[in-house]
Structures are given as C-alpha cells and as structure tokens.
Amino acid sequence: MFVTLDDIRLTAPAGCGAMLRTFYADLLGMREVTGPPVLAVRGGCWLTGEHGSAQLHLGIETPGPGTRTHPALRVRDIDALADRLRSHRAPVVWDGKHPGQRRFYSLDPAGNRLEFLTPTD
C-alpha cells in the first residue's frame, strides 16, 4: 500500500519565516512552492527539492513545535488502508481540506501523528 513519502510538516514559532526561507532555500537549495489557499492563511511556507518529489511544509504554531508535526505518506487504496487501521483499533480521521487529495490522519502506537493521502485524479 505504501507508495512514497509525500511530505514532512515541521512547525516553527511566529516571526521566523524569513530565517526558515533563507535556511531551506538558500542553504539547502530547496524551492518554495505555493500551498493550497485554504492552508496558506495559517502562515509558514512549503518547499520542495529539485525534482519536486517530496515537500517540506513549515507551519507556524505558537509557541513552536507541536502536535501538528507529522510525515505524510502517499498510499494506494486509501480506503482499504483506513479499514485496516480501524480494524486494529487505530484512529482514522478524514480531512477534506487539501484540494486534489483524499487524506486522513492516524496515530502510531507511540502517539505520533501520521498523514496518509492519495491524489483524487
């Protein structure tokens, strides 16, 4: 079912956007990309590597890193995976806020947040 890593979301405190852009774009050579407008209002920035195959999403949270930090895993047959997780008593919380994607969140046994998604195309 697992296809590839889609993105990683990290958090940062308000006011450090310029420093983050300098570090990730200028130092690491990542390219800033435009995120969905519904998510852009939260602040932060989205970056990608040279081939655009995986993204880094830097979100703003006060006081800083928090519970929204997570990897996003691109999968096949997302409904079967959701059913499988539920059958093992893992939570499945669907989120329709990402245009062009079907996605849900779950937790691993240690409480780490995981995002699973697949394109709607």
N, C-alpha and C. Protein backbone atom coordinates (compact mmCIF):
# COMPACT_ATOMS: atom_id res chain seq x y z
N MET A 1 0.81 -1.20 0.00
CA MET A 1 0.00 0.00 0.00
C MET A 1 0.85 1.27 0.00
N PHE A 2 1.96 1.27 0.72
CA PHE A 2 2.81 2.46 0.80
C PHE A 2 3.47 2.71 -0.55
N VAL A 3 3.40 3.96 -1.03
CA VAL A 3 4.00 4.33 -2.31
C VAL A 3 5.28 5.10 -2.09
N THR A 4 5.21 6.22 -1.37
CA THR A 4 6.38 7.05 -1.15
C THR A 4 6.08 8.08 -0.08
N LEU A 5 7.10 8.71 0.40
CA LEU A 5 6.95 9.83 1.32
C LEU A 5 6.49 11.03 0.49
N ASP A 6 5.42 11.66 0.90
CA ASP A 6 4.89 12.81 0.18
C ASP A 6 5.45 14.10 0.74
N ASP A 7 5.33 14.28 2.05
CA ASP A 7 5.85 15.50 2.67
C ASP A 7 6.11 15.28 4.15
N ILE A 8 6.87 16.19 4.73
CA ILE A 8 7.08 16.27 6.17
C ILE A 8 6.62 17.65 6.60
N ARG A 9 5.88 17.73 7.69
CA ARG A 9 5.45 19.01 8.23
C ARG A 9 6.19 19.25 9.52
N LEU A 10 6.85 20.39 9.59
CA LEU A 10 7.54 20.84 10.80
C LEU A 10 6.90 22.14 11.24
N THR A 11 7.06 22.47 12.49
CA THR A 11 6.49 23.72 12.98
C THR A 11 7.58 24.64 13.51
N ALA A 12 7.22 25.91 13.54
CA ALA A 12 8.15 26.94 14.00
C ALA A 12 7.35 28.06 14.64
N PRO A 13 7.96 28.83 15.54
CA PRO A 13 7.26 29.96 16.14
C PRO A 13 7.08 31.10 15.15
N ALA A 14 6.08 31.92 15.39
CA ALA A 14 5.81 33.08 14.55
C ALA A 14 7.04 33.99 14.49
N GLY A 15 7.24 34.62 13.33
CA GLY A 15 8.30 35.60 13.17
C GLY A 15 9.60 35.06 12.62
N CYS A 16 9.68 33.76 12.36
CA CYS A 16 10.95 33.24 11.86
C CYS A 16 10.86 32.77 10.40
N GLY A 17 9.82 33.18 9.68
CA GLY A 17 9.64 32.77 8.29
C GLY A 17 10.80 33.12 7.39
N ALA A 18 11.34 34.32 7.52
CA ALA A 18 12.46 34.74 6.67
C ALA A 18 13.70 33.89 6.94
N MET A 19 13.96 33.60 8.21
CA MET A 19 15.11 32.75 8.55
C MET A 19 14.94 31.34 7.98
N LEU A 20 13.72 30.82 8.04
CA LEU A 20 13.47 29.48 7.52
C LEU A 20 13.65 29.44 6.01
N ARG A 21 13.12 30.46 5.33
CA ARG A 21 13.28 30.52 3.87
C ARG A 21 14.76 30.59 3.50
N THR A 22 15.53 31.39 4.22
CA THR A 22 16.97 31.51 3.94
C THR A 22 17.66 30.17 4.13
N PHE A 23 17.35 29.49 5.23
CA PHE A 23 17.99 28.22 5.52
C PHE A 23 17.64 27.17 4.47
N TYR A 24 16.34 26.94 4.26
CA TYR A 24 15.92 25.86 3.37
C TYR A 24 16.13 26.19 1.88
N ALA A 25 15.88 27.43 1.48
CA ALA A 25 16.04 27.79 0.06
C ALA A 25 17.49 28.10 -0.27
N ASP A 26 18.09 29.02 0.46
CA ASP A 26 19.45 29.45 0.13
C ASP A 26 20.52 28.43 0.54
N LEU A 27 20.40 27.85 1.71
CA LEU A 27 21.44 26.93 2.18
C LEU A 27 21.26 25.52 1.64
N LEU A 28 20.01 25.04 1.62
CA LEU A 28 19.77 23.66 1.19
C LEU A 28 19.35 23.55 -0.28
N GLY A 29 19.08 24.67 -0.92
CA GLY A 29 18.73 24.66 -2.33
C GLY A 29 17.31 24.21 -2.64
N MET A 30 16.43 24.27 -1.65
CA MET A 30 15.04 23.91 -1.89
C MET A 30 14.33 25.07 -2.57
N ARG A 31 13.23 24.76 -3.23
CA ARG A 31 12.45 25.76 -3.95
C ARG A 31 11.10 25.93 -3.26
N GLU A 32 10.70 27.19 -3.03
CA GLU A 32 9.40 27.44 -2.41
C GLU A 32 8.30 27.20 -3.42
N VAL A 33 7.24 26.52 -2.98
CA VAL A 33 6.07 26.26 -3.82
C VAL A 33 4.84 26.82 -3.12
N THR A 34 3.80 27.03 -3.89
CA THR A 34 2.56 27.58 -3.35
C THR A 34 1.68 26.45 -2.82
N GLY A 35 1.27 26.58 -1.57
CA GLY A 35 0.37 25.61 -0.99
C GLY A 35 -1.07 25.98 -1.30
N PRO A 36 -2.02 25.10 -0.98
CA PRO A 36 -3.43 25.41 -1.20
C PRO A 36 -3.83 26.67 -0.43
N PRO A 37 -4.61 27.56 -1.06
CA PRO A 37 -5.00 28.82 -0.40
C PRO A 37 -5.64 28.61 0.97
N VAL A 38 -6.44 27.56 1.14
CA VAL A 38 -7.12 27.33 2.42
C VAL A 38 -6.11 27.05 3.53
N LEU A 39 -4.92 26.54 3.16
CA LEU A 39 -3.89 26.26 4.16
C LEU A 39 -2.90 27.42 4.29
N ALA A 40 -2.75 28.22 3.24
CA ALA A 40 -1.79 29.33 3.25
C ALA A 40 -2.11 30.38 4.31
N VAL A 41 -3.39 30.51 4.67
CA VAL A 41 -3.77 31.51 5.66
C VAL A 41 -3.16 31.23 7.03
N ARG A 42 -2.68 30.01 7.24
CA ARG A 42 -2.06 29.66 8.52
C ARG A 42 -0.64 30.19 8.64
N GLY A 43 -0.05 30.62 7.52
CA GLY A 43 1.32 31.11 7.53
C GLY A 43 2.30 29.99 7.27
N GLY A 44 3.57 30.32 7.32
CA GLY A 44 4.61 29.34 7.05
C GLY A 44 4.93 29.29 5.57
N CYS A 45 5.57 28.21 5.13
CA CYS A 45 5.90 28.07 3.72
C CYS A 45 6.02 26.60 3.36
N TRP A 46 5.89 26.32 2.06
CA TRP A 46 6.05 24.98 1.52
C TRP A 46 7.26 25.00 0.60
N LEU A 47 8.11 23.99 0.72
CA LEU A 47 9.31 23.90 -0.11
C LEU A 47 9.41 22.51 -0.71
N THR A 48 10.17 22.41 -1.79
CA THR A 48 10.37 21.12 -2.44
C THR A 48 11.81 20.99 -2.91
N GLY A 49 12.23 19.78 -3.15
CA GLY A 49 13.56 19.53 -3.68
C GLY A 49 13.59 19.79 -5.18
N GLU A 50 14.71 19.53 -5.80
CA GLU A 50 14.89 19.90 -7.21
C GLU A 50 13.95 19.16 -8.14
N HIS A 51 13.50 17.98 -7.81
CA HIS A 51 12.60 17.24 -8.69
C HIS A 51 11.14 17.31 -8.24
N GLY A 52 10.87 17.98 -7.15
CA GLY A 52 9.50 18.14 -6.67
C GLY A 52 8.86 16.87 -6.15
N SER A 53 9.66 15.86 -5.85
CA SER A 53 9.09 14.58 -5.46
C SER A 53 8.63 14.52 -4.00
N ALA A 54 9.19 15.32 -3.14
CA ALA A 54 8.77 15.37 -1.74
C ALA A 54 8.81 16.82 -1.29
N GLN A 55 7.94 17.15 -0.36
CA GLN A 55 7.86 18.53 0.11
C GLN A 55 8.13 18.63 1.60
N LEU A 56 8.54 19.82 2.00
CA LEU A 56 8.69 20.18 3.40
C LEU A 56 7.70 21.30 3.65
N HIS A 57 6.79 21.10 4.59
CA HIS A 57 5.81 22.12 4.96
C HIS A 57 6.20 22.69 6.31
N LEU A 58 6.48 23.98 6.36
CA LEU A 58 6.85 24.65 7.61
C LEU A 58 5.66 25.47 8.08
N GLY A 59 5.04 25.03 9.15
CA GLY A 59 3.86 25.68 9.69
C GLY A 59 4.20 26.52 10.89
N ILE A 60 3.41 27.55 11.11
CA ILE A 60 3.61 28.45 12.25
C ILE A 60 2.68 28.01 13.37
N GLU A 61 3.26 27.75 14.52
CA GLU A 61 2.50 27.43 15.72
C GLU A 61 3.13 28.14 16.90
N THR A 62 2.32 28.63 17.78
CA THR A 62 2.82 29.28 18.97
C THR A 62 2.57 28.32 20.13
N PRO A 63 3.57 27.98 20.88
CA PRO A 63 4.89 28.57 20.98
C PRO A 63 5.91 27.99 20.03
N GLY A 64 5.58 27.01 19.24
CA GLY A 64 6.55 26.40 18.32
C GLY A 64 6.15 24.98 18.03
N PRO A 65 7.12 24.07 17.90
CA PRO A 65 6.80 22.69 17.53
C PRO A 65 5.69 22.12 18.40
N GLY A 66 4.76 21.45 17.74
CA GLY A 66 3.61 20.92 18.46
C GLY A 66 3.05 19.68 17.82
N THR A 67 1.80 19.39 18.11
CA THR A 67 1.18 18.13 17.75
C THR A 67 0.85 18.02 16.26
N ARG A 68 0.96 19.08 15.49
CA ARG A 68 0.65 19.01 14.06
C ARG A 68 1.84 18.52 13.24
N THR A 69 3.00 18.33 13.86
CA THR A 69 4.17 17.83 13.16
C THR A 69 3.92 16.37 12.77
N HIS A 70 4.20 16.04 11.51
CA HIS A 70 3.92 14.68 11.04
C HIS A 70 4.54 14.41 9.67
N PRO A 71 4.81 13.14 9.34
CA PRO A 71 5.12 12.79 7.96
C PRO A 71 3.81 12.52 7.22
N ALA A 72 3.80 12.76 5.93
CA ALA A 72 2.66 12.42 5.08
C ALA A 72 3.10 11.31 4.14
N LEU A 73 2.36 10.24 4.13
CA LEU A 73 2.73 9.07 3.35
C LEU A 73 1.74 8.87 2.21
N ARG A 74 2.23 8.90 0.99
CA ARG A 74 1.38 8.67 -0.18
C ARG A 74 1.13 7.16 -0.28
N VAL A 75 -0.13 6.78 -0.44
CA VAL A 75 -0.51 5.37 -0.44
C VAL A 75 -1.43 5.05 -1.62
N ARG A 76 -1.54 3.77 -1.92
CA ARG A 76 -2.53 3.25 -2.87
C ARG A 76 -3.69 2.70 -2.04
N ASP A 77 -4.88 2.70 -2.60
CA ASP A 77 -6.07 2.12 -1.96
C ASP A 77 -6.25 2.63 -0.54
N ILE A 78 -6.43 3.93 -0.46
CA ILE A 78 -6.53 4.61 0.84
C ILE A 78 -7.70 4.10 1.68
N ASP A 79 -8.80 3.70 1.02
CA ASP A 79 -9.95 3.20 1.79
C ASP A 79 -9.63 1.86 2.46
N ALA A 80 -8.91 1.00 1.75
CA ALA A 80 -8.52 -0.28 2.34
C ALA A 80 -7.57 -0.07 3.52
N LEU A 81 -6.68 0.89 3.38
CA LEU A 81 -5.76 1.18 4.48
C LEU A 81 -6.52 1.72 5.69
N ALA A 82 -7.46 2.63 5.46
CA ALA A 82 -8.26 3.15 6.56
C ALA A 82 -9.01 2.02 7.27
N ASP A 83 -9.60 1.12 6.50
CA ASP A 83 -10.31 -0.03 7.08
C ASP A 83 -9.35 -0.90 7.89
N ARG A 84 -8.18 -1.13 7.35
CA ARG A 84 -7.19 -1.97 8.04
C ARG A 84 -6.77 -1.34 9.37
N LEU A 85 -6.50 -0.03 9.36
CA LEU A 85 -6.12 0.65 10.60
C LEU A 85 -7.25 0.59 11.63
N ARG A 86 -8.48 0.87 11.19
CA ARG A 86 -9.62 0.81 12.10
C ARG A 86 -9.76 -0.59 12.71
N SER A 87 -9.54 -1.62 11.87
CA SER A 87 -9.69 -2.99 12.37
C SER A 87 -8.66 -3.32 13.45
N HIS A 88 -7.58 -2.56 13.50
CA HIS A 88 -6.57 -2.72 14.54
C HIS A 88 -6.69 -1.65 15.62
N ARG A 89 -7.85 -1.02 15.66
CA ARG A 89 -8.20 -0.01 16.69
C ARG A 89 -7.37 1.27 16.62
N ALA A 90 -6.78 1.54 15.47
CA ALA A 90 -6.08 2.82 15.27
C ALA A 90 -7.10 3.85 14.81
N PRO A 91 -6.97 5.10 15.26
CA PRO A 91 -7.93 6.13 14.84
C PRO A 91 -7.75 6.48 13.36
N VAL A 92 -8.84 6.83 12.71
CA VAL A 92 -8.83 7.30 11.33
C VAL A 92 -9.69 8.56 11.29
N VAL A 93 -9.06 9.70 11.00
CA VAL A 93 -9.77 10.97 10.96
C VAL A 93 -9.59 11.57 9.56
N TRP A 94 -10.66 11.55 8.78
CA TRP A 94 -10.61 12.07 7.41
C TRP A 94 -10.57 13.59 7.43
N ASP A 95 -9.86 14.16 6.47
CA ASP A 95 -9.72 15.62 6.35
C ASP A 95 -9.81 15.98 4.87
N GLY A 96 -10.82 16.75 4.49
CA GLY A 96 -11.02 17.13 3.10
C GLY A 96 -10.51 18.51 2.75
N LYS A 97 -9.56 19.05 3.51
CA LYS A 97 -9.10 20.43 3.31
C LYS A 97 -7.95 20.57 2.32
N HIS A 98 -7.51 19.50 1.69
CA HIS A 98 -6.38 19.56 0.77
C HIS A 98 -6.90 19.27 -0.64
N PRO A 99 -7.11 20.31 -1.46
CA PRO A 99 -7.66 20.10 -2.80
C PRO A 99 -6.83 19.12 -3.62
N GLY A 100 -7.51 18.24 -4.33
CA GLY A 100 -6.83 17.27 -5.18
C GLY A 100 -6.31 16.04 -4.46
N GLN A 101 -6.59 15.93 -3.17
CA GLN A 101 -6.11 14.80 -2.37
C GLN A 101 -7.24 14.25 -1.51
N ARG A 102 -7.23 12.95 -1.30
CA ARG A 102 -8.03 12.33 -0.25
C ARG A 102 -7.03 12.01 0.84
N ARG A 103 -7.35 12.38 2.07
CA ARG A 103 -6.38 12.13 3.13
C ARG A 103 -7.06 11.90 4.46
N PHE A 104 -6.33 11.21 5.32
CA PHE A 104 -6.77 11.04 6.71
C PHE A 104 -5.54 11.02 7.61
N TYR A 105 -5.80 11.22 8.89
CA TYR A 105 -4.75 11.17 9.91
C TYR A 105 -5.00 9.97 10.81
N SER A 106 -3.91 9.46 11.36
CA SER A 106 -3.98 8.40 12.35
C SER A 106 -2.84 8.62 13.33
N LEU A 107 -2.72 7.74 14.30
CA LEU A 107 -1.64 7.80 15.27
C LEU A 107 -0.95 6.45 15.31
N ASP A 108 0.37 6.48 15.46
CA ASP A 108 1.08 5.22 15.66
C ASP A 108 0.98 4.84 17.14
N PRO A 109 1.46 3.67 17.54
CA PRO A 109 1.32 3.25 18.94
C PRO A 109 1.97 4.18 19.95
N ALA A 110 2.95 4.97 19.53
CA ALA A 110 3.61 5.90 20.44
C ALA A 110 2.91 7.26 20.46
N GLY A 111 1.85 7.42 19.68
CA GLY A 111 1.13 8.69 19.65
C GLY A 111 1.62 9.66 18.59
N ASN A 112 2.52 9.23 17.69
CA ASN A 112 2.98 10.10 16.61
C ASN A 112 1.89 10.24 15.55
N ARG A 113 1.66 11.47 15.12
CA ARG A 113 0.65 11.75 14.10
C ARG A 113 1.17 11.36 12.72
N LEU A 114 0.34 10.68 11.93
CA LEU A 114 0.67 10.26 10.58
C LEU A 114 -0.43 10.71 9.63
N GLU A 115 -0.04 11.21 8.48
CA GLU A 115 -0.99 11.59 7.43
C GLU A 115 -0.83 10.59 6.29
N PHE A 116 -1.96 10.12 5.78
CA PHE A 116 -1.97 9.21 4.62
C PHE A 116 -2.80 9.89 3.54
N LEU A 117 -2.27 9.92 2.30
CA LEU A 117 -3.01 10.60 1.24
C LEU A 117 -2.81 9.92 -0.10
N THR A 118 -3.76 10.24 -0.98
CA THR A 118 -3.70 9.76 -2.36
C THR A 118 -4.34 10.83 -3.23
N PRO A 119 -3.82 11.04 -4.45
CA PRO A 119 -4.42 12.05 -5.32
C PRO A 119 -5.82 11.64 -5.75
N THR A 120 -6.70 12.62 -5.96
CA THR A 120 -8.06 12.33 -6.41
C THR A 120 -8.13 12.18 -7.91
N ASP A 121 -7.08 12.57 -8.63
CA ASP A 121 -7.07 12.47 -10.10
C ASP A 121 -7.08 11.04 -10.56
